[in-house]
Amino acid sequence: MIPNASLEERLATIEAAIAELQEKVADPQPTNWLQQIAGSFKDEPAFEEVLAYGRAIRKGDETLLEAQDEL
């Protein structure tokens, strides 16, 4: 808030802020969650391991999973 501002000035500031918020709420930007997280794990060392587990599970290859259980 503006120090020493009149009540009318303060009210005008609040009304402008409310109008801005109403515009944002009235026209929300669509968010695509997949695009937001795409590539976020590219530098994660365990990510390749997770992908390998996923491939093994889809193929029915349980040797990779059994090898991990033995560790």
N, C-alpha and C. Protein backbone atom coordinates (compact mmCIF):
# COMPACT_ATOMS: atom_id res chain seq x y z
N MET A 1 0.82 -1.19 0.00
CA MET A 1 0.00 0.00 0.00
C MET A 1 0.87 1.25 0.00
N ILE A 2 0.27 2.30 -0.43
CA ILE A 2 0.95 3.59 -0.49
C ILE A 2 0.78 4.29 0.86
N PRO A 3 1.88 4.62 1.54
CA PRO A 3 1.74 5.32 2.82
C PRO A 3 1.17 6.72 2.58
N ASN A 4 0.35 7.15 3.51
CA ASN A 4 -0.27 8.48 3.46
C ASN A 4 -1.18 8.67 2.25
N ALA A 5 -1.66 7.61 1.64
CA ALA A 5 -2.58 7.73 0.51
C ALA A 5 -3.99 7.93 1.03
N SER A 6 -4.75 8.62 0.25
CA SER A 6 -6.14 8.85 0.66
C SER A 6 -6.92 7.55 0.52
N LEU A 7 -8.06 7.54 1.15
CA LEU A 7 -8.92 6.36 1.09
C LEU A 7 -9.32 6.05 -0.35
N GLU A 8 -9.57 7.08 -1.13
CA GLU A 8 -9.96 6.89 -2.53
C GLU A 8 -8.82 6.26 -3.34
N GLU A 9 -7.60 6.69 -3.09
CA GLU A 9 -6.44 6.13 -3.80
C GLU A 9 -6.22 4.67 -3.43
N ARG A 10 -6.35 4.40 -2.15
CA ARG A 10 -6.18 3.02 -1.69
C ARG A 10 -7.26 2.12 -2.27
N LEU A 11 -8.49 2.62 -2.30
CA LEU A 11 -9.60 1.85 -2.85
C LEU A 11 -9.39 1.61 -4.35
N ALA A 12 -8.89 2.60 -5.07
CA ALA A 12 -8.63 2.45 -6.50
C ALA A 12 -7.56 1.39 -6.74
N THR A 13 -6.55 1.36 -5.90
CA THR A 13 -5.49 0.36 -6.02
C THR A 13 -6.05 -1.03 -5.79
N ILE A 14 -6.88 -1.17 -4.79
CA ILE A 14 -7.49 -2.47 -4.49
C ILE A 14 -8.42 -2.91 -5.62
N GLU A 15 -9.20 -1.99 -6.15
CA GLU A 15 -10.11 -2.32 -7.25
C GLU A 15 -9.34 -2.76 -8.49
N ALA A 16 -8.23 -2.11 -8.75
CA ALA A 16 -7.41 -2.51 -9.91
C ALA A 16 -6.84 -3.90 -9.71
N ALA A 17 -6.40 -4.19 -8.51
CA ALA A 17 -5.86 -5.52 -8.22
C ALA A 17 -6.95 -6.59 -8.34
N ILE A 18 -8.13 -6.28 -7.86
CA ILE A 18 -9.25 -7.24 -7.97
C ILE A 18 -9.62 -7.46 -9.43
N ALA A 19 -9.65 -6.42 -10.22
CA ALA A 19 -9.96 -6.56 -11.64
C ALA A 19 -8.93 -7.44 -12.34
N GLU A 20 -7.67 -7.27 -11.99
CA GLU A 20 -6.61 -8.10 -12.58
C GLU A 20 -6.79 -9.57 -12.19
N LEU A 21 -7.10 -9.82 -10.94
CA LEU A 21 -7.33 -11.20 -10.49
C LEU A 21 -8.55 -11.81 -11.16
N GLN A 22 -9.60 -11.03 -11.34
CA GLN A 22 -10.80 -11.54 -11.99
C GLN A 22 -10.53 -11.91 -13.44
N GLU A 23 -9.68 -11.15 -14.12
CA GLU A 23 -9.31 -11.50 -15.49
C GLU A 23 -8.57 -12.83 -15.54
N LYS A 24 -7.66 -13.02 -14.61
CA LYS A 24 -6.90 -14.27 -14.58
C LYS A 24 -7.79 -15.46 -14.29
N VAL A 25 -8.75 -15.30 -13.40
CA VAL A 25 -9.64 -16.39 -13.04
C VAL A 25 -10.62 -16.68 -14.17
N ALA A 26 -11.07 -15.64 -14.85
CA ALA A 26 -12.04 -15.80 -15.93
C ALA A 26 -11.45 -16.51 -17.14
N ASP A 27 -10.17 -16.33 -17.40
CA ASP A 27 -9.52 -16.91 -18.57
C ASP A 27 -8.27 -17.67 -18.16
N PRO A 28 -8.46 -18.82 -17.47
CA PRO A 28 -7.28 -19.56 -17.02
C PRO A 28 -6.54 -20.17 -18.21
N GLN A 29 -5.24 -20.21 -18.10
CA GLN A 29 -4.41 -20.82 -19.13
C GLN A 29 -4.45 -22.34 -18.94
N PRO A 30 -4.74 -23.08 -19.99
CA PRO A 30 -4.74 -24.53 -19.85
C PRO A 30 -3.34 -25.04 -19.54
N THR A 31 -3.27 -25.95 -18.61
CA THR A 31 -1.97 -26.50 -18.26
C THR A 31 -1.91 -27.96 -18.69
N ASN A 32 -0.88 -28.29 -19.37
CA ASN A 32 -0.66 -29.66 -19.80
C ASN A 32 0.40 -30.23 -18.87
N TRP A 33 -0.02 -31.06 -17.94
CA TRP A 33 0.89 -31.58 -16.93
C TRP A 33 2.03 -32.37 -17.56
N LEU A 34 1.77 -33.02 -18.67
CA LEU A 34 2.82 -33.81 -19.30
C LEU A 34 3.94 -32.92 -19.83
N GLN A 35 3.57 -31.80 -20.44
CA GLN A 35 4.58 -30.87 -20.94
C GLN A 35 5.34 -30.22 -19.80
N GLN A 36 4.70 -30.04 -18.67
CA GLN A 36 5.37 -29.42 -17.53
C GLN A 36 6.46 -30.31 -16.94
N ILE A 37 6.27 -31.64 -17.00
CA ILE A 37 7.26 -32.52 -16.38
C ILE A 37 8.18 -33.18 -17.40
N ALA A 38 7.89 -33.03 -18.69
CA ALA A 38 8.72 -33.66 -19.73
C ALA A 38 10.17 -33.20 -19.61
N GLY A 39 11.08 -34.14 -19.54
CA GLY A 39 12.49 -33.83 -19.47
C GLY A 39 13.01 -33.50 -18.08
N SER A 40 12.14 -33.51 -17.09
CA SER A 40 12.59 -33.11 -15.75
C SER A 40 13.47 -34.16 -15.08
N PHE A 41 13.49 -35.39 -15.60
CA PHE A 41 14.30 -36.45 -15.01
C PHE A 41 15.50 -36.82 -15.87
N LYS A 42 15.78 -36.05 -16.90
CA LYS A 42 16.83 -36.43 -17.85
C LYS A 42 18.21 -36.54 -17.22
N ASP A 43 18.49 -35.77 -16.21
CA ASP A 43 19.80 -35.82 -15.57
C ASP A 43 19.81 -36.65 -14.29
N GLU A 44 18.75 -37.37 -14.04
CA GLU A 44 18.64 -38.20 -12.84
C GLU A 44 19.26 -39.57 -13.12
N PRO A 45 20.31 -39.95 -12.40
CA PRO A 45 20.99 -41.22 -12.67
C PRO A 45 20.07 -42.44 -12.53
N ALA A 46 19.15 -42.42 -11.63
CA ALA A 46 18.28 -43.58 -11.41
C ALA A 46 17.20 -43.70 -12.47
N PHE A 47 17.01 -42.69 -13.30
CA PHE A 47 15.93 -42.72 -14.27
C PHE A 47 16.10 -43.84 -15.29
N GLU A 48 17.31 -44.02 -15.79
CA GLU A 48 17.57 -45.11 -16.75
C GLU A 48 17.29 -46.47 -16.12
N GLU A 49 17.61 -46.60 -14.86
CA GLU A 49 17.34 -47.86 -14.15
C GLU A 49 15.84 -48.09 -14.04
N VAL A 50 15.11 -47.06 -13.75
CA VAL A 50 13.64 -47.17 -13.67
C VAL A 50 13.08 -47.57 -15.02
N LEU A 51 13.59 -46.97 -16.10
CA LEU A 51 13.13 -47.34 -17.44
C LEU A 51 13.42 -48.81 -17.73
N ALA A 52 14.59 -49.29 -17.33
CA ALA A 52 14.95 -50.69 -17.55
C ALA A 52 14.01 -51.61 -16.80
N TYR A 53 13.67 -51.25 -15.57
CA TYR A 53 12.69 -52.05 -14.82
C TYR A 53 11.34 -52.07 -15.52
N GLY A 54 10.92 -50.94 -16.02
CA GLY A 54 9.64 -50.87 -16.73
C GLY A 54 9.63 -51.75 -17.96
N ARG A 55 10.73 -51.71 -18.74
CA ARG A 55 10.82 -52.58 -19.92
C ARG A 55 10.79 -54.05 -19.52
N ALA A 56 11.50 -54.40 -18.47
CA ALA A 56 11.55 -55.80 -18.01
C ALA A 56 10.17 -56.27 -17.58
N ILE A 57 9.45 -55.43 -16.88
CA ILE A 57 8.11 -55.81 -16.42
C ILE A 57 7.18 -55.99 -17.61
N ARG A 58 7.25 -55.08 -18.59
CA ARG A 58 6.36 -55.19 -19.76
C ARG A 58 6.67 -56.43 -20.57
N LYS A 59 7.96 -56.82 -20.64
CA LYS A 59 8.34 -58.00 -21.42
C LYS A 59 8.15 -59.29 -20.63
N GLY A 60 7.88 -59.19 -19.36
CA GLY A 60 7.74 -60.38 -18.54
C GLY A 60 9.08 -60.95 -18.14
N ASP A 61 10.13 -60.19 -18.30
CA ASP A 61 11.49 -60.62 -17.96
C ASP A 61 11.74 -60.31 -16.49
N GLU A 62 11.64 -61.32 -15.66
CA GLU A 62 11.78 -61.10 -14.23
C GLU A 62 13.21 -61.31 -13.75
N THR A 63 14.13 -61.64 -14.65
CA THR A 63 15.51 -61.86 -14.22
C THR A 63 16.12 -60.56 -13.70
N LEU A 64 15.79 -59.45 -14.31
CA LEU A 64 16.31 -58.17 -13.84
C LEU A 64 15.79 -57.86 -12.43
N LEU A 65 14.53 -58.17 -12.21
CA LEU A 65 13.94 -57.93 -10.90
C LEU A 65 14.52 -58.88 -9.85
N GLU A 66 14.73 -60.13 -10.25
CA GLU A 66 15.29 -61.11 -9.31
C GLU A 66 16.73 -60.75 -8.95
N ALA A 67 17.50 -60.26 -9.92
CA ALA A 67 18.88 -59.86 -9.68
C ALA A 67 18.93 -58.73 -8.67
N GLN A 68 17.98 -57.82 -8.73
CA GLN A 68 17.94 -56.71 -7.78
C GLN A 68 17.58 -57.21 -6.37
N ASP A 69 16.71 -58.20 -6.28
CA ASP A 69 16.33 -58.76 -4.98
C ASP A 69 17.51 -59.41 -4.28
N GLU A 70 18.46 -59.95 -5.05
CA GLU A 70 19.61 -60.62 -4.48
C GLU A 70 20.64 -59.66 -3.89
N LEU A 71 20.58 -58.41 -4.28
CA LEU A 71 21.55 -57.42 -3.80
C LEU A 71 21.29 -57.04 -2.38
